[in-house]
Each structure stands twice: as C-alpha cells, then as structure tokens.
C-alpha cells in the first residue's frame, strides 16, 4: 500500500467527527465514559494522553484516509491531552505525529458491528497494541467470551485472557490493567470496565477516594478517643 504524503491529506477541520452511526444501547457511551472519567482522576497530573469516546480515527492504512474507524473508546499515549489547548473533534493520525491508539475498546451490541472480523483487521493493520472486546449480553450468540483482550504480537492479535482468572490484565506498555467489576457506588449494580494497578487493585474514583479518606479520618479520631459524630465535630 502506497503511503500518502501528509501534505496531500485533509486536515481535521475538513473531516467529519465520526461516521454518524448511532449507538444502539446506552452501554456504548456509558462504559467508555466510566474509563475516561476514572483516567481523568488517576492521571490528572499527566498531559501526554488522550481518551476518545465514539470518535472517528482517521488513518492512512485503509483504502481511503477520509473514511474513519470509530471505536467505542480508545486511548492514545504520547500525544497532547488537549490538541493545541483545544478539544478534538476527531483523531487524525497524521496530525498526531502518526501516533496510533495504544488501546481500542469495542462494545458488542445487538446489531452486528463486525467487531470480531473487519474491525479487528482494521486495528491490526493500524498497529493498535491492545484490542478490547466487551460482549456481556451476546457473547453466547457470537460464540465468544464476555470480555476478550487481544494483544498484537508479531503482526497478529493473540487472546490474552482465556478465562476470568486472566483479569484484570496488566498492560505494561500502557501502565494500566483492565478488567470487569461492579462499582460499589452504583445503586444499579452494573458491571463495568475499570482500570487496575500492577498488583490487580482497582483504581478508585475521586468520590470513592474521598469517601475512603473520610473513613480513615473517622477511624483515626476514634483511636484517639474522639467521637467524629459528636456535635462539636
């Protein structure tokens, strides 16, 4: 495949935000945003990453650089947190020093979206190191696992988590683990994807961290003979 010179490629202002394909269930927006908001907290002091939700990725490894691939979520490293201090409308690889996402996430829905074949091939050709397929509702229909995490090895995707004991999966190139959980603060008890550290502990949200700090403070006060529930406090 011939490589198109960057000067002959359209700019981000000339390209649509995505392919305008509507999501067909709320998980496709909710789950990637859970990961985004958690990352906003745990990487709040870092400016070298970008997480996109339902955003077009324009690249030069397909038949037409004007046709994007649109994952439900993706994470790129080594790029500006905000492009030129502005928000991105799409992710254009030739405007990002050819940095491709380190991880893409597809959430399988009732409508077949070619996640297991055509999209997998697009991400493989693009060179995305980790491909996460989350399919909690239709995995039996599709004859797959509820969560499949693939790693690009020697140009091919290899399944990393063959069973639940493979979760969370640590991704050393990214410095994060990913896996499933139910957030204790969610009154609907929904299963979500979350980030984990190298020893397999789930990263807490800002609200959870604040609650834990409060509980530690109250416990410390009690150990000193003080009543945190007293009116003076």
C-alpha atoms as a PDB file:
ATOM      1  CA  UNK A   1       0.000   0.000   0.000  1.00  0.00           C
ATOM      2  CA  UNK A   2       1.411   3.374  -1.029  1.00  0.00           C
ATOM      3  CA  UNK A   3       1.860   5.887   1.753  1.00  0.00           C
ATOM      4  CA  UNK A   4       0.104   9.195   1.110  1.00  0.00           C
ATOM      5  CA  UNK A   5       2.315  12.242   1.817  1.00  0.00           C
ATOM      6  CA  UNK A   6       0.983  14.203   4.782  1.00  0.00           C
ATOM      7  CA  UNK A   7       0.769  17.422   2.797  1.00  0.00           C
ATOM      8  CA  UNK A   8      -1.756  15.749   0.490  1.00  0.00           C
ATOM      9  CA  UNK A   9      -4.049  14.640   3.315  1.00  0.00           C
ATOM     10  CA  UNK A  10      -7.098  16.589   4.556  1.00  0.00           C
ATOM     11  CA  UNK A  11      -6.944  18.473   7.859  1.00  0.00           C
ATOM     12  CA  UNK A  12      -9.129  17.690  10.842  1.00  0.00           C
ATOM     13  CA  UNK A  13     -11.314  20.705  10.057  1.00  0.00           C
ATOM     14  CA  UNK A  14     -12.214  19.134   6.721  1.00  0.00           C
ATOM     15  CA  UNK A  15     -13.186  15.752   8.162  1.00  0.00           C
ATOM     16  CA  UNK A  16     -16.425  14.663   9.891  1.00  0.00           C
ATOM     17  CA  UNK A  17     -16.310  13.916  13.624  1.00  0.00           C
ATOM     18  CA  UNK A  18     -17.276  10.263  13.108  1.00  0.00           C
ATOM     19  CA  UNK A  19     -19.232   8.052  10.718  1.00  0.00           C
ATOM     20  CA  UNK A  20     -22.538   9.312  12.180  1.00  0.00           C
ATOM     21  CA  UNK A  21     -23.589   5.754  13.025  1.00  0.00           C
ATOM     22  CA  UNK A  22     -25.828   5.984  16.123  1.00  0.00           C
ATOM     23  CA  UNK A  23     -25.124   3.772  19.112  1.00  0.00           C
ATOM     24  CA  UNK A  24     -27.908   1.283  19.783  1.00  0.00           C
ATOM     25  CA  UNK A  25     -27.562   0.910  23.552  1.00  0.00           C
ATOM     26  CA  UNK A  26     -26.521   3.132  26.434  1.00  0.00           C
ATOM     27  CA  UNK A  27     -23.540   0.943  27.376  1.00  0.00           C
ATOM     28  CA  UNK A  28     -21.699   2.070  24.255  1.00  0.00           C
ATOM     29  CA  UNK A  29     -21.485   5.566  25.728  1.00  0.00           C
ATOM     30  CA  UNK A  30     -21.660   4.824  29.452  1.00  0.00           C
ATOM     31  CA  UNK A  31     -18.868   2.245  29.727  1.00  0.00           C
ATOM     32  CA  UNK A  32     -16.139   4.169  27.847  1.00  0.00           C
ATOM     33  CA  UNK A  33     -17.021   7.306  29.795  1.00  0.00           C
ATOM     34  CA  UNK A  34     -16.549   5.434  33.084  1.00  0.00           C
ATOM     35  CA  UNK A  35     -12.999   4.686  31.943  1.00  0.00           C
ATOM     36  CA  UNK A  36     -12.457   8.255  30.748  1.00  0.00           C
ATOM     37  CA  UNK A  37     -13.617   9.897  33.980  1.00  0.00           C
ATOM     38  CA  UNK A  38     -11.542   7.492  36.061  1.00  0.00           C
ATOM     39  CA  UNK A  39      -8.500   8.248  33.928  1.00  0.00           C
ATOM     40  CA  UNK A  40      -9.141  11.978  34.355  1.00  0.00           C
ATOM     41  CA  UNK A  41      -8.680  11.402  38.083  1.00  0.00           C
ATOM     42  CA  UNK A  42      -5.807   8.921  38.258  1.00  0.00           C
ATOM     43  CA  UNK A  43      -3.806  10.679  35.513  1.00  0.00           C
ATOM     44  CA  UNK A  44      -4.873  14.205  36.401  1.00  0.00           C
ATOM     45  CA  UNK A  45      -1.254  15.438  36.502  1.00  0.00           C
ATOM     46  CA  UNK A  46      -0.343  13.974  33.117  1.00  0.00           C
ATOM     47  CA  UNK A  47      -0.760  15.775  29.808  1.00  0.00           C
ATOM     48  CA  UNK A  48       0.575  13.072  27.497  1.00  0.00           C
ATOM     49  CA  UNK A  49      -2.561  11.053  26.847  1.00  0.00           C
ATOM     50  CA  UNK A  50      -5.943  11.254  25.160  1.00  0.00           C
ATOM     51  CA  UNK A  51      -9.020   9.082  25.580  1.00  0.00           C
ATOM     52  CA  UNK A  52     -11.683   9.337  22.888  1.00  0.00           C
ATOM     53  CA  UNK A  53     -15.291   8.139  23.113  1.00  0.00           C
ATOM     54  CA  UNK A  54     -17.246   7.339  19.932  1.00  0.00           C
ATOM     55  CA  UNK A  55     -14.777   9.431  17.937  1.00  0.00           C
ATOM     56  CA  UNK A  56     -13.516   8.882  14.423  1.00  0.00           C
ATOM     57  CA  UNK A  57      -9.910   7.767  13.972  1.00  0.00           C
ATOM     58  CA  UNK A  58      -8.568   8.814  10.585  1.00  0.00           C
ATOM     59  CA  UNK A  59      -5.579   6.866   9.330  1.00  0.00           C
ATOM     60  CA  UNK A  60      -3.676   6.017   6.160  1.00  0.00           C
ATOM     61  CA  UNK A  61      -3.663   2.226   6.423  1.00  0.00           C
ATOM     62  CA  UNK A  62      -7.058   1.758   4.779  1.00  0.00           C
ATOM     63  CA  UNK A  63      -8.404   2.270   1.277  1.00  0.00           C
ATOM     64  CA  UNK A  64      -9.392   5.902   1.874  1.00  0.00           C
ATOM     65  CA  UNK A  65      -7.947   8.226   4.560  1.00  0.00           C
ATOM     66  CA  UNK A  66     -11.263  10.117   4.595  1.00  0.00           C
ATOM     67  CA  UNK A  67     -13.095   7.067   5.969  1.00  0.00           C
ATOM     68  CA  UNK A  68     -12.584   6.710   9.735  1.00  0.00           C
ATOM     69  CA  UNK A  69     -12.818   3.749  12.022  1.00  0.00           C
ATOM     70  CA  UNK A  70     -14.940   4.617  15.059  1.00  0.00           C
ATOM     71  CA  UNK A  71     -14.344   2.529  18.192  1.00  0.00           C
ATOM     72  CA  UNK A  72     -16.497   2.965  21.273  1.00  0.00           C
ATOM     73  CA  UNK A  73     -13.386   4.112  23.117  1.00  0.00           C
ATOM     74  CA  UNK A  74      -9.650   4.414  22.586  1.00  0.00           C
ATOM     75  CA  UNK A  75      -6.547   5.531  24.467  1.00  0.00           C
ATOM     76  CA  UNK A  76      -3.520   7.186  22.883  1.00  0.00           C
ATOM     77  CA  UNK A  77      -0.254   7.851  24.695  1.00  0.00           C
ATOM     78  CA  UNK A  78       2.448  10.395  23.956  1.00  0.00           C
ATOM     79  CA  UNK A  79       0.038  12.943  22.494  1.00  0.00           C
ATOM     80  CA  UNK A  80      -1.287  16.247  23.807  1.00  0.00           C
ATOM     81  CA  UNK A  81      -4.080  15.958  26.335  1.00  0.00           C
ATOM     82  CA  UNK A  82      -5.763  18.835  24.529  1.00  0.00           C
ATOM     83  CA  UNK A  83      -4.654  19.440  20.963  1.00  0.00           C
ATOM     84  CA  UNK A  84      -3.336  22.986  20.835  1.00  0.00           C
ATOM     85  CA  UNK A  85      -5.256  23.661  24.076  1.00  0.00           C
ATOM     86  CA  UNK A  86      -8.480  22.862  22.199  1.00  0.00           C
ATOM     87  CA  UNK A  87     -10.788  19.852  22.222  1.00  0.00           C
ATOM     88  CA  UNK A  88     -10.545  17.386  19.333  1.00  0.00           C
ATOM     89  CA  UNK A  89     -13.471  16.742  17.018  1.00  0.00           C
ATOM     90  CA  UNK A  90     -11.753  13.628  15.651  1.00  0.00           C
ATOM     91  CA  UNK A  91      -8.423  11.847  15.968  1.00  0.00           C
ATOM     92  CA  UNK A  92      -6.366  12.355  12.821  1.00  0.00           C
ATOM     93  CA  UNK A  93      -3.205  10.265  12.980  1.00  0.00           C
ATOM     94  CA  UNK A  94      -1.234  12.409  10.552  1.00  0.00           C
ATOM     95  CA  UNK A  95      -1.852  15.397  12.842  1.00  0.00           C
ATOM     96  CA  UNK A  96      -0.710  13.358  15.865  1.00  0.00           C
ATOM     97  CA  UNK A  97       2.812  12.532  14.611  1.00  0.00           C
ATOM     98  CA  UNK A  98       1.386   9.225  13.356  1.00  0.00           C
ATOM     99  CA  UNK A  99       0.728   8.047  16.929  1.00  0.00           C
ATOM    100  CA  UNK A 100      -1.921   5.323  16.792  1.00  0.00           C
ATOM    101  CA  UNK A 101      -4.032   4.384  19.825  1.00  0.00           C
ATOM    102  CA  UNK A 102      -2.394   2.068  22.327  1.00  0.00           C
ATOM    103  CA  UNK A 103      -5.779   0.516  23.098  1.00  0.00           C
ATOM    104  CA  UNK A 104      -9.190   0.417  21.461  1.00  0.00           C
ATOM    105  CA  UNK A 105     -12.451  -0.778  23.002  1.00  0.00           C
ATOM    106  CA  UNK A 106     -15.466  -2.134  21.166  1.00  0.00           C
ATOM    107  CA  UNK A 107     -18.722  -2.927  22.970  1.00  0.00           C
ATOM    108  CA  UNK A 108     -20.724  -5.521  21.069  1.00  0.00           C
ATOM    109  CA  UNK A 109     -24.409  -4.746  20.727  1.00  0.00           C
ATOM    110  CA  UNK A 110     -27.494  -6.443  19.362  1.00  0.00           C
ATOM    111  CA  UNK A 111     -26.727  -5.130  15.893  1.00  0.00           C
ATOM    112  CA  UNK A 112     -23.758  -6.909  14.356  1.00  0.00           C
ATOM    113  CA  UNK A 113     -20.948  -4.396  14.060  1.00  0.00           C
ATOM    114  CA  UNK A 114     -18.159  -6.519  12.539  1.00  0.00           C
ATOM    115  CA  UNK A 115     -16.100  -6.229  15.724  1.00  0.00           C
ATOM    116  CA  UNK A 116     -14.695  -9.760  15.501  1.00  0.00           C
ATOM    117  CA  UNK A 117     -13.534  -9.610  11.903  1.00  0.00           C
ATOM    118  CA  UNK A 118     -13.479  -6.420   9.862  1.00  0.00           C
ATOM    119  CA  UNK A 119     -12.767  -4.040  12.745  1.00  0.00           C
ATOM    120  CA  UNK A 120     -10.212  -6.424  14.222  1.00  0.00           C
ATOM    121  CA  UNK A 121      -8.422  -6.417  10.873  1.00  0.00           C
ATOM    122  CA  UNK A 122      -8.506  -2.607  10.683  1.00  0.00           C
ATOM    123  CA  UNK A 123      -6.932  -2.290  14.131  1.00  0.00           C
ATOM    124  CA  UNK A 124      -4.374  -4.982  13.323  1.00  0.00           C
ATOM    125  CA  UNK A 125      -3.342  -3.188  10.148  1.00  0.00           C
ATOM    126  CA  UNK A 126      -3.244   0.116  12.001  1.00  0.00           C
ATOM    127  CA  UNK A 127      -0.933  -1.422  14.591  1.00  0.00           C
ATOM    128  CA  UNK A 128      -3.045  -0.945  17.731  1.00  0.00           C
ATOM    129  CA  UNK A 129      -1.267  -2.914  20.502  1.00  0.00           C
ATOM    130  CA  UNK A 130      -4.374  -3.842  22.542  1.00  0.00           C
ATOM    131  CA  UNK A 131      -7.881  -4.577  21.308  1.00  0.00           C
ATOM    132  CA  UNK A 132     -10.604  -4.992  23.960  1.00  0.00           C
ATOM    133  CA  UNK A 133     -13.931  -6.584  23.007  1.00  0.00           C
ATOM    134  CA  UNK A 134     -16.674  -6.391  25.631  1.00  0.00           C
ATOM    135  CA  UNK A 135     -19.731  -8.518  24.924  1.00  0.00           C
ATOM    136  CA  UNK A 136     -21.641  -9.234  28.157  1.00  0.00           C
ATOM    137  CA  UNK A 137     -25.061  -9.759  26.580  1.00  0.00           C
ATOM    138  CA  UNK A 138     -24.466 -11.509  23.254  1.00  0.00           C
ATOM    139  CA  UNK A 139     -21.251 -13.494  23.754  1.00  0.00           C
ATOM    140  CA  UNK A 140     -23.082 -16.827  23.584  1.00  0.00           C
ATOM    141  CA  UNK A 141     -24.774 -15.799  20.367  1.00  0.00           C
ATOM    142  CA  UNK A 142     -21.386 -14.814  18.950  1.00  0.00           C
ATOM    143  CA  UNK A 143     -19.568 -17.836  20.442  1.00  0.00           C
ATOM    144  CA  UNK A 144     -17.023 -15.680  22.220  1.00  0.00           C
ATOM    145  CA  UNK A 145     -16.110 -14.736  25.782  1.00  0.00           C
ATOM    146  CA  UNK A 146     -17.891 -11.850  27.560  1.00  0.00           C
ATOM    147  CA  UNK A 147     -14.574  -9.985  27.635  1.00  0.00           C
ATOM    148  CA  UNK A 148     -11.746 -10.625  25.215  1.00  0.00           C
ATOM    149  CA  UNK A 149      -8.457  -8.734  25.361  1.00  0.00           C
ATOM    150  CA  UNK A 150      -6.150  -9.161  22.397  1.00  0.00           C
ATOM    151  CA  UNK A 151      -2.511  -8.157  22.153  1.00  0.00           C
ATOM    152  CA  UNK A 152      -0.761  -7.521  18.848  1.00  0.00           C
ATOM    153  CA  UNK A 153       2.178  -9.916  18.692  1.00  0.00           C
ATOM    154  CA  UNK A 154       4.296 -10.319  15.555  1.00  0.00           C
ATOM    155  CA  UNK A 155       1.572  -8.692  13.496  1.00  0.00           C
ATOM    156  CA  UNK A 156      -1.261 -10.898  14.807  1.00  0.00           C
ATOM    157  CA  UNK A 157      -3.785 -10.473  17.604  1.00  0.00           C
ATOM    158  CA  UNK A 158      -3.500 -13.073  20.339  1.00  0.00           C
ATOM    159  CA  UNK A 159      -6.156 -13.540  23.020  1.00  0.00           C
ATOM    160  CA  UNK A 160      -4.632 -12.784  26.431  1.00  0.00           C
ATOM    161  CA  UNK A 161      -7.441 -13.666  28.864  1.00  0.00           C
ATOM    162  CA  UNK A 162      -8.704 -17.165  28.221  1.00  0.00           C
ATOM    163  CA  UNK A 163     -10.861 -17.137  31.377  1.00  0.00           C
ATOM    164  CA  UNK A 164     -11.821 -14.909  34.283  1.00  0.00           C
ATOM    165  CA  UNK A 165      -8.532 -15.683  36.054  1.00  0.00           C
ATOM    166  CA  UNK A 166      -6.879 -13.645  33.311  1.00  0.00           C
ATOM    167  CA  UNK A 167      -8.493 -10.489  34.683  1.00  0.00           C
ATOM    168  CA  UNK A 168      -7.562  -7.835  35.280  1.00  0.00           C
ATOM    169  CA  UNK A 169      -4.998  -7.968  32.505  1.00  0.00           C
ATOM    170  CA  UNK A 170      -1.909  -5.840  33.134  1.00  0.00           C
ATOM    171  CA  UNK A 171      -0.701  -3.948  30.054  1.00  0.00           C
ATOM    172  CA  UNK A 172       2.907  -2.923  30.721  1.00  0.00           C
ATOM    173  CA  UNK A 173       3.199  -0.780  27.591  1.00  0.00           C
ATOM    174  CA  UNK A 174       0.313   1.340  28.878  1.00  0.00           C
ATOM    175  CA  UNK A 175       0.969   1.141  32.609  1.00  0.00           C
ATOM    176  CA  UNK A 176      -2.601   0.095  33.370  1.00  0.00           C
ATOM    177  CA  UNK A 177      -4.595  -3.051  33.872  1.00  0.00           C
ATOM    178  CA  UNK A 178      -8.123  -3.509  32.583  1.00  0.00           C
ATOM    179  CA  UNK A 179     -10.912  -5.800  33.724  1.00  0.00           C
ATOM    180  CA  UNK A 180     -14.523  -6.046  34.866  1.00  0.00           C
ATOM    181  CA  UNK A 181     -16.048  -5.017  38.160  1.00  0.00           C
ATOM    182  CA  UNK A 182     -19.210  -3.692  39.806  1.00  0.00           C
ATOM    183  CA  UNK A 183     -18.687  -0.271  41.330  1.00  0.00           C
ATOM    184  CA  UNK A 184     -19.799  -0.208  44.986  1.00  0.00           C
ATOM    185  CA  UNK A 185     -21.221   3.294  44.492  1.00  0.00           C
ATOM    186  CA  UNK A 186     -23.539   2.225  41.661  1.00  0.00           C
ATOM    187  CA  UNK A 187     -27.053   1.608  43.003  1.00  0.00           C
ATOM    188  CA  UNK A 188     -27.924  -0.233  39.762  1.00  0.00           C
ATOM    189  CA  UNK A 189     -25.064  -2.704  40.335  1.00  0.00           C
ATOM    190  CA  UNK A 190     -23.997  -2.562  36.714  1.00  0.00           C
ATOM    191  CA  UNK A 191     -20.916  -4.402  35.535  1.00  0.00           C
ATOM    192  CA  UNK A 192     -18.386  -2.022  34.021  1.00  0.00           C
ATOM    193  CA  UNK A 193     -14.832  -1.994  32.768  1.00  0.00           C
ATOM    194  CA  UNK A 194     -12.280  -0.376  35.044  1.00  0.00           C
ATOM    195  CA  UNK A 195      -8.577   0.369  35.344  1.00  0.00           C
ATOM    196  CA  UNK A 196      -6.372  -1.597  37.746  1.00  0.00           C
ATOM    197  CA  UNK A 197      -2.828  -1.201  39.025  1.00  0.00           C
ATOM    198  CA  UNK A 198       0.056  -3.645  38.570  1.00  0.00           C
ATOM    199  CA  UNK A 199      -0.916  -5.759  41.595  1.00  0.00           C
ATOM    200  CA  UNK A 200      -4.521  -6.070  40.437  1.00  0.00           C
ATOM    201  CA  UNK A 201      -6.156  -3.480  42.706  1.00  0.00           C
ATOM    202  CA  UNK A 202      -8.889  -1.398  41.145  1.00  0.00           C
ATOM    203  CA  UNK A 203      -8.243   2.316  40.906  1.00  0.00           C
ATOM    204  CA  UNK A 204     -10.784   4.279  42.917  1.00  0.00           C
ATOM    205  CA  UNK A 205     -12.812   7.146  41.524  1.00  0.00           C
ATOM    206  CA  UNK A 206     -12.447  10.603  43.064  1.00  0.00           C
ATOM    207  CA  UNK A 207     -15.686  10.078  45.016  1.00  0.00           C
ATOM    208  CA  UNK A 208     -14.531   6.692  46.329  1.00  0.00           C
ATOM    209  CA  UNK A 209     -11.114   8.078  47.278  1.00  0.00           C
ATOM    210  CA  UNK A 210     -12.728  10.958  49.178  1.00  0.00           C
ATOM    211  CA  UNK A 211     -15.031   8.546  50.999  1.00  0.00           C
ATOM    212  CA  UNK A 212     -12.097   6.319  51.953  1.00  0.00           C
ATOM    213  CA  UNK A 213     -10.164   9.315  53.290  1.00  0.00           C
ATOM    214  CA  UNK A 214     -13.162  10.305  55.375  1.00  0.00           C
ATOM    215  CA  UNK A 215     -13.477   6.780  56.775  1.00  0.00           C
ATOM    216  CA  UNK A 216      -9.762   6.729  57.665  1.00  0.00           C
ATOM    217  CA  UNK A 217     -10.068  10.090  59.380  1.00  0.00           C
ATOM    218  CA  UNK A 218     -13.062   8.937  61.412  1.00  0.00           C
ATOM    219  CA  UNK A 219     -11.220   5.753  62.403  1.00  0.00           C
ATOM    220  CA  UNK A 220      -8.175   7.784  63.464  1.00  0.00           C
ATOM    221  CA  UNK A 221     -10.340  10.050  65.605  1.00  0.00           C
ATOM    222  CA  UNK A 222     -11.943   7.055  67.315  1.00  0.00           C
ATOM    223  CA  UNK A 223      -8.497   5.571  68.026  1.00  0.00           C
ATOM    224  CA  UNK A 224      -7.663   8.805  69.843  1.00  0.00           C
ATOM    225  CA  UNK A 225     -10.810   8.649  71.952  1.00  0.00           C
ATOM    226  CA  UNK A 226     -12.669  11.249  69.919  1.00  0.00           C
ATOM    227  CA  UNK A 227     -16.209  10.871  68.635  1.00  0.00           C
ATOM    228  CA  UNK A 228     -16.430  12.018  64.997  1.00  0.00           C
ATOM    229  CA  UNK A 229     -20.228  12.068  65.300  1.00  0.00           C
ATOM    230  CA  UNK A 230     -20.237  14.457  68.238  1.00  0.00           C
ATOM    231  CA  UNK A 231     -21.819  17.862  67.645  1.00  0.00           C
ATOM    232  CA  UNK A 232     -18.501  19.673  68.138  1.00  0.00           C
ATOM    233  CA  UNK A 233     -17.137  17.908  65.086  1.00  0.00           C
END
